[in-house]
């Protein structure tokens, strides 16, 4: 029995779908925080972290194999224990978190 795990390019797709709005979001955060770049970067990091976690939770294609669904008890290809989604983080170099 050979196990084949298909590619699931969630990170690439998240960037493709969400990055066009990041410039305006950063500008808004800078204005809202009196142009404090460290604070704006922390908020931006939190924003992008949330977007990536949402993509991981919502990713459905390709679905798990029937045997995997039986083993896990549910069909969410990128979630098993929650370790990956809970490990998403960011670093705003020089900014305090």
C-alpha atoms as a PDB file:
ATOM      1  CA  UNK A   1       0.000   0.000   0.000  1.00  0.00           C
ATOM      2  CA  UNK A   2       1.514   3.305  -1.097  1.00  0.00           C
ATOM      3  CA  UNK A   3       0.480   6.525   0.564  1.00  0.00           C
ATOM      4  CA  UNK A   4       0.423   9.493  -1.780  1.00  0.00           C
ATOM      5  CA  UNK A   5      -0.029  12.914  -0.261  1.00  0.00           C
ATOM      6  CA  UNK A   6      -1.022  15.444  -2.926  1.00  0.00           C
ATOM      7  CA  UNK A   7       0.337  18.992  -2.848  1.00  0.00           C
ATOM      8  CA  UNK A   8      -1.787  21.512  -0.995  1.00  0.00           C
ATOM      9  CA  UNK A   9      -0.266  24.927  -1.761  1.00  0.00           C
ATOM     10  CA  UNK A  10      -2.244  26.825   0.883  1.00  0.00           C
ATOM     11  CA  UNK A  11       0.522  29.347   1.621  1.00  0.00           C
ATOM     12  CA  UNK A  12       1.004  30.255  -2.043  1.00  0.00           C
ATOM     13  CA  UNK A  13      -2.775  30.585  -2.541  1.00  0.00           C
ATOM     14  CA  UNK A  14      -3.172  32.748   0.566  1.00  0.00           C
ATOM     15  CA  UNK A  15      -0.494  35.131  -0.710  1.00  0.00           C
ATOM     16  CA  UNK A  16      -2.056  35.149  -4.185  1.00  0.00           C
ATOM     17  CA  UNK A  17      -5.516  35.997  -2.814  1.00  0.00           C
ATOM     18  CA  UNK A  18      -4.684  38.245   0.132  1.00  0.00           C
ATOM     19  CA  UNK A  19      -1.465  40.121  -0.673  1.00  0.00           C
ATOM     20  CA  UNK A  20      -3.107  42.638  -3.042  1.00  0.00           C
ATOM     21  CA  UNK A  21      -4.826  44.216  -0.016  1.00  0.00           C
ATOM     22  CA  UNK A  22      -1.732  44.334   2.213  1.00  0.00           C
ATOM     23  CA  UNK A  23      -0.375  47.656   0.952  1.00  0.00           C
ATOM     24  CA  UNK A  24      -3.583  49.526   1.725  1.00  0.00           C
ATOM     25  CA  UNK A  25      -3.949  47.683   5.038  1.00  0.00           C
ATOM     26  CA  UNK A  26      -0.418  48.722   6.055  1.00  0.00           C
ATOM     27  CA  UNK A  27      -1.112  52.331   5.064  1.00  0.00           C
ATOM     28  CA  UNK A  28      -4.277  52.288   7.176  1.00  0.00           C
ATOM     29  CA  UNK A  29      -2.405  50.810  10.137  1.00  0.00           C
ATOM     30  CA  UNK A  30       0.350  53.410   9.841  1.00  0.00           C
ATOM     31  CA  UNK A  31      -2.171  56.264   9.824  1.00  0.00           C
ATOM     32  CA  UNK A  32      -4.121  54.736  12.717  1.00  0.00           C
ATOM     33  CA  UNK A  33      -0.944  54.380  14.797  1.00  0.00           C
ATOM     34  CA  UNK A  34       0.523  57.845  14.231  1.00  0.00           C
ATOM     35  CA  UNK A  35       3.013  56.406  11.716  1.00  0.00           C
ATOM     36  CA  UNK A  36       4.640  54.201  14.362  1.00  0.00           C
ATOM     37  CA  UNK A  37       6.092  51.541  12.067  1.00  0.00           C
ATOM     38  CA  UNK A  38       6.885  49.054  14.854  1.00  0.00           C
ATOM     39  CA  UNK A  39       3.276  49.059  16.043  1.00  0.00           C
ATOM     40  CA  UNK A  40       1.894  48.929  12.498  1.00  0.00           C
ATOM     41  CA  UNK A  41       4.152  45.969  11.655  1.00  0.00           C
ATOM     42  CA  UNK A  42       2.958  44.052  14.717  1.00  0.00           C
ATOM     43  CA  UNK A  43      -0.682  44.650  13.758  1.00  0.00           C
ATOM     44  CA  UNK A  44       0.091  43.684  10.162  1.00  0.00           C
ATOM     45  CA  UNK A  45       1.784  40.497  11.364  1.00  0.00           C
ATOM     46  CA  UNK A  46      -1.303  39.605  13.391  1.00  0.00           C
ATOM     47  CA  UNK A  47      -3.515  40.326  10.383  1.00  0.00           C
ATOM     48  CA  UNK A  48      -1.520  38.120   7.996  1.00  0.00           C
ATOM     49  CA  UNK A  49      -1.214  35.400  10.660  1.00  0.00           C
ATOM     50  CA  UNK A  50      -5.012  35.339  10.931  1.00  0.00           C
ATOM     51  CA  UNK A  51      -5.385  35.146   7.160  1.00  0.00           C
ATOM     52  CA  UNK A  52      -2.994  32.195   6.934  1.00  0.00           C
ATOM     53  CA  UNK A  53      -4.726  30.376   9.800  1.00  0.00           C
ATOM     54  CA  UNK A  54      -8.074  30.898   8.062  1.00  0.00           C
ATOM     55  CA  UNK A  55      -6.683  29.437   4.817  1.00  0.00           C
ATOM     56  CA  UNK A  56      -5.372  26.395   6.699  1.00  0.00           C
ATOM     57  CA  UNK A  57      -8.731  25.822   8.425  1.00  0.00           C
ATOM     58  CA  UNK A  58     -10.786  26.380   5.262  1.00  0.00           C
ATOM     59  CA  UNK A  59      -8.586  24.398   2.816  1.00  0.00           C
ATOM     60  CA  UNK A  60     -10.637  21.555   1.305  1.00  0.00           C
ATOM     61  CA  UNK A  61      -8.956  20.464  -1.966  1.00  0.00           C
ATOM     62  CA  UNK A  62      -7.932  17.854  -2.651  1.00  0.00           C
ATOM     63  CA  UNK A  63      -9.891  16.132   0.098  1.00  0.00           C
ATOM     64  CA  UNK A  64      -8.432  13.512   2.393  1.00  0.00           C
ATOM     65  CA  UNK A  65      -8.551   9.913   1.235  1.00  0.00           C
ATOM     66  CA  UNK A  66     -11.437   7.885   2.656  1.00  0.00           C
ATOM     67  CA  UNK A  67      -8.971   5.941   4.828  1.00  0.00           C
ATOM     68  CA  UNK A  68      -7.640   9.202   6.289  1.00  0.00           C
ATOM     69  CA  UNK A  69     -11.146  10.470   6.998  1.00  0.00           C
ATOM     70  CA  UNK A  70     -11.880   7.208   8.839  1.00  0.00           C
ATOM     71  CA  UNK A  71      -8.677   7.555  10.858  1.00  0.00           C
ATOM     72  CA  UNK A  72      -9.105  11.267  11.677  1.00  0.00           C
ATOM     73  CA  UNK A  73     -12.872  11.258  11.974  1.00  0.00           C
ATOM     74  CA  UNK A  74     -13.250  14.326   9.765  1.00  0.00           C
ATOM     75  CA  UNK A  75     -12.217  15.635   6.344  1.00  0.00           C
ATOM     76  CA  UNK A  76      -9.990  18.648   6.710  1.00  0.00           C
ATOM     77  CA  UNK A  77      -6.811  18.028   4.698  1.00  0.00           C
ATOM     78  CA  UNK A  78      -4.594  20.465   6.625  1.00  0.00           C
ATOM     79  CA  UNK A  79      -5.877  19.782  10.136  1.00  0.00           C
ATOM     80  CA  UNK A  80      -5.159  16.700  12.187  1.00  0.00           C
ATOM     81  CA  UNK A  81      -3.991  17.741  15.642  1.00  0.00           C
ATOM     82  CA  UNK A  82      -4.131  21.502  15.118  1.00  0.00           C
ATOM     83  CA  UNK A  83      -0.373  21.777  15.599  1.00  0.00           C
ATOM     84  CA  UNK A  84       0.322  23.434  12.237  1.00  0.00           C
ATOM     85  CA  UNK A  85      -2.447  26.037  12.450  1.00  0.00           C
ATOM     86  CA  UNK A  86      -1.526  26.825  16.057  1.00  0.00           C
ATOM     87  CA  UNK A  87       2.151  27.173  15.114  1.00  0.00           C
ATOM     88  CA  UNK A  88       1.580  29.999  12.637  1.00  0.00           C
ATOM     89  CA  UNK A  89       3.387  33.076  13.908  1.00  0.00           C
ATOM     90  CA  UNK A  90       5.243  36.100  12.644  1.00  0.00           C
ATOM     91  CA  UNK A  91       8.218  38.249  13.473  1.00  0.00           C
ATOM     92  CA  UNK A  92       8.265  41.994  13.058  1.00  0.00           C
ATOM     93  CA  UNK A  93      12.034  42.481  13.176  1.00  0.00           C
ATOM     94  CA  UNK A  94      12.833  45.108  15.763  1.00  0.00           C
ATOM     95  CA  UNK A  95       9.215  45.516  16.825  1.00  0.00           C
ATOM     96  CA  UNK A  96       7.992  44.327  20.189  1.00  0.00           C
ATOM     97  CA  UNK A  97       5.267  41.700  20.169  1.00  0.00           C
END
